[in-house]
Amino acid sequence: MNNQEKIFQIVKRIPKGKVVTYKQIARISGIKSPRVIGNIIHKNKYPDSIPCHRVVKSDGTLATGYAFGGIKAQKKKLIDEGIKFVKNKIDLNIYQI
């Protein structure tokens, strides 16, 4: 399994209403750099089945490069799933798996 397949398998398992961080995916997949995770996720061709909008930065903020409508679209998707933001941050103690 290549890195892209590993990452997409992890992202597919993120339940609705929860998030994971780029760093968390890097640790789980054995990839050293969270930036690699971001680059691969940005190439996701199947956002309906690979919910990359549920991947956030380790401080609970959203990355600016969301490929499917930008940061506002990502935030809306997360809010629609029940995730709350306080000052543009997600409380990872509540929403991170």
C-alpha atoms as a PDB file:
ATOM      1  CA  MET A   1       0.000   0.000   0.000  1.00  0.00           C
ATOM      2  CA  ASN A   2       1.462   3.373  -0.958  1.00  0.00           C
ATOM      3  CA  ASN A   3       1.324   6.515   1.218  1.00  0.00           C
ATOM      4  CA  GLN A   4      -1.736   7.928  -0.525  1.00  0.00           C
ATOM      5  CA  GLU A   5      -3.675   4.708  -0.016  1.00  0.00           C
ATOM      6  CA  LYS A   6      -2.631   4.564   3.661  1.00  0.00           C
ATOM      7  CA  ILE A   7      -3.728   8.141   4.278  1.00  0.00           C
ATOM      8  CA  PHE A   8      -7.033   7.794   2.464  1.00  0.00           C
ATOM      9  CA  GLN A   9      -7.822   4.599   4.406  1.00  0.00           C
ATOM     10  CA  ILE A  10      -7.269   6.495   7.672  1.00  0.00           C
ATOM     11  CA  VAL A  11      -9.355   9.479   6.549  1.00  0.00           C
ATOM     12  CA  LYS A  12     -12.223   7.219   5.445  1.00  0.00           C
ATOM     13  CA  ARG A  13     -12.542   5.983   9.033  1.00  0.00           C
ATOM     14  CA  ILE A  14     -13.026   9.428  10.617  1.00  0.00           C
ATOM     15  CA  PRO A  15     -16.618   9.445  11.857  1.00  0.00           C
ATOM     16  CA  LYS A  16     -19.024  12.285  11.192  1.00  0.00           C
ATOM     17  CA  GLY A  17     -18.736  14.916  13.918  1.00  0.00           C
ATOM     18  CA  LYS A  18     -15.097  14.082  14.698  1.00  0.00           C
ATOM     19  CA  VAL A  19     -11.736  15.322  13.435  1.00  0.00           C
ATOM     20  CA  VAL A  20      -8.123  14.192  13.308  1.00  0.00           C
ATOM     21  CA  THR A  21      -5.004  16.271  12.847  1.00  0.00           C
ATOM     22  CA  TYR A  22      -2.443  16.106  10.073  1.00  0.00           C
ATOM     23  CA  LYS A  23       0.099  15.229  12.753  1.00  0.00           C
ATOM     24  CA  GLN A  24      -2.083  12.402  14.044  1.00  0.00           C
ATOM     25  CA  ILE A  25      -2.416  10.924  10.544  1.00  0.00           C
ATOM     26  CA  ALA A  26       1.357  11.222  10.056  1.00  0.00           C
ATOM     27  CA  ARG A  27       1.963   9.298  13.286  1.00  0.00           C
ATOM     28  CA  ILE A  28      -0.594   6.577  12.452  1.00  0.00           C
ATOM     29  CA  SER A  29       0.638   6.146   8.874  1.00  0.00           C
ATOM     30  CA  GLY A  30       4.343   6.214   9.721  1.00  0.00           C
ATOM     31  CA  ILE A  31       4.951   9.279   7.565  1.00  0.00           C
ATOM     32  CA  LYS A  32       7.337  11.720   9.212  1.00  0.00           C
ATOM     33  CA  SER A  33       5.927  15.027   7.988  1.00  0.00           C
ATOM     34  CA  PRO A  34       2.367  16.314   8.455  1.00  0.00           C
ATOM     35  CA  ARG A  35       2.996  18.463   5.357  1.00  0.00           C
ATOM     36  CA  VAL A  36       3.150  15.301   3.266  1.00  0.00           C
ATOM     37  CA  ILE A  37      -0.288  14.417   4.618  1.00  0.00           C
ATOM     38  CA  GLY A  38      -1.616  17.828   3.570  1.00  0.00           C
ATOM     39  CA  ASN A  39      -0.170  17.507   0.063  1.00  0.00           C
ATOM     40  CA  ILE A  40      -1.728  14.093  -0.429  1.00  0.00           C
ATOM     41  CA  ILE A  41      -5.106  15.090   1.004  1.00  0.00           C
ATOM     42  CA  HIS A  42      -5.160  18.113  -1.295  1.00  0.00           C
ATOM     43  CA  LYS A  43      -5.158  15.666  -4.232  1.00  0.00           C
ATOM     44  CA  ASN A  44      -8.232  13.793  -2.988  1.00  0.00           C
ATOM     45  CA  LYS A  45     -10.514  13.165  -5.975  1.00  0.00           C
ATOM     46  CA  TYR A  46     -13.344  11.624  -3.932  1.00  0.00           C
ATOM     47  CA  PRO A  47     -14.316  14.044  -1.134  1.00  0.00           C
ATOM     48  CA  ASP A  48     -17.725  12.394  -0.721  1.00  0.00           C
ATOM     49  CA  SER A  49     -16.192   9.055   0.262  1.00  0.00           C
ATOM     50  CA  ILE A  50     -12.871  10.342   1.661  1.00  0.00           C
ATOM     51  CA  PRO A  51     -13.949  13.095   4.095  1.00  0.00           C
ATOM     52  CA  CYS A  52     -10.783  15.179   4.107  1.00  0.00           C
ATOM     53  CA  HIS A  53     -12.724  18.115   5.558  1.00  0.00           C
ATOM     54  CA  ARG A  54     -12.373  16.299   8.905  1.00  0.00           C
ATOM     55  CA  VAL A  55      -8.594  16.792   8.955  1.00  0.00           C
ATOM     56  CA  VAL A  56      -7.425  19.880  10.854  1.00  0.00           C
ATOM     57  CA  LYS A  57      -4.252  21.453  12.176  1.00  0.00           C
ATOM     58  CA  SER A  58      -2.917  20.354  15.559  1.00  0.00           C
ATOM     59  CA  ASP A  59      -4.021  23.605  17.186  1.00  0.00           C
ATOM     60  CA  GLY A  60      -7.656  23.023  16.157  1.00  0.00           C
ATOM     61  CA  THR A  61      -7.662  25.539  13.320  1.00  0.00           C
ATOM     62  CA  LEU A  62      -8.339  24.860   9.657  1.00  0.00           C
ATOM     63  CA  ALA A  63      -5.644  24.901   6.992  1.00  0.00           C
ATOM     64  CA  THR A  64      -6.151  27.549   4.342  1.00  0.00           C
ATOM     65  CA  GLY A  65      -5.720  25.212   1.371  1.00  0.00           C
ATOM     66  CA  TYR A  66      -8.944  23.194   1.527  1.00  0.00           C
ATOM     67  CA  ALA A  67      -9.330  22.054  -2.083  1.00  0.00           C
ATOM     68  CA  PHE A  68     -13.121  21.919  -2.209  1.00  0.00           C
ATOM     69  CA  GLY A  69     -14.284  25.494  -1.816  1.00  0.00           C
ATOM     70  CA  GLY A  70     -11.749  26.902   0.611  1.00  0.00           C
ATOM     71  CA  ILE A  71     -11.743  27.311   4.357  1.00  0.00           C
ATOM     72  CA  LYS A  72     -15.335  28.614   4.535  1.00  0.00           C
ATOM     73  CA  ALA A  73     -16.666  25.509   2.787  1.00  0.00           C
ATOM     74  CA  GLN A  74     -14.682  23.238   5.107  1.00  0.00           C
ATOM     75  CA  LYS A  75     -15.931  25.071   8.176  1.00  0.00           C
ATOM     76  CA  LYS A  76     -19.532  24.834   6.963  1.00  0.00           C
ATOM     77  CA  LYS A  77     -19.223  21.072   6.425  1.00  0.00           C
ATOM     78  CA  LEU A  78     -17.854  20.615   9.927  1.00  0.00           C
ATOM     79  CA  ILE A  79     -20.557  22.814  11.482  1.00  0.00           C
ATOM     80  CA  ASP A  80     -23.194  20.841   9.565  1.00  0.00           C
ATOM     81  CA  GLU A  81     -21.793  17.710  11.253  1.00  0.00           C
ATOM     82  CA  GLY A  82     -22.212  19.268  14.696  1.00  0.00           C
ATOM     83  CA  ILE A  83     -18.689  20.524  15.308  1.00  0.00           C
ATOM     84  CA  LYS A  84     -18.577  23.847  17.115  1.00  0.00           C
ATOM     85  CA  PHE A  85     -15.966  26.545  16.649  1.00  0.00           C
ATOM     86  CA  VAL A  86     -14.863  29.055  19.252  1.00  0.00           C
ATOM     87  CA  LYS A  87     -12.815  31.907  17.799  1.00  0.00           C
ATOM     88  CA  ASN A  88     -12.235  29.863  14.609  1.00  0.00           C
ATOM     89  CA  LYS A  89     -10.886  26.891  16.575  1.00  0.00           C
ATOM     90  CA  ILE A  90     -12.202  23.423  17.248  1.00  0.00           C
ATOM     91  CA  ASP A  91     -11.832  22.086  20.783  1.00  0.00           C
ATOM     92  CA  LEU A  92      -9.785  18.970  20.099  1.00  0.00           C
ATOM     93  CA  ASN A  93     -10.533  17.666  23.598  1.00  0.00           C
ATOM     94  CA  ILE A  94     -14.152  17.299  22.469  1.00  0.00           C
ATOM     95  CA  TYR A  95     -13.993  16.513  18.755  1.00  0.00           C
ATOM     96  CA  GLN A  96     -10.693  14.739  18.103  1.00  0.00           C
ATOM     97  CA  ILE A  97     -10.734  10.942  17.910  1.00  0.00           C
END
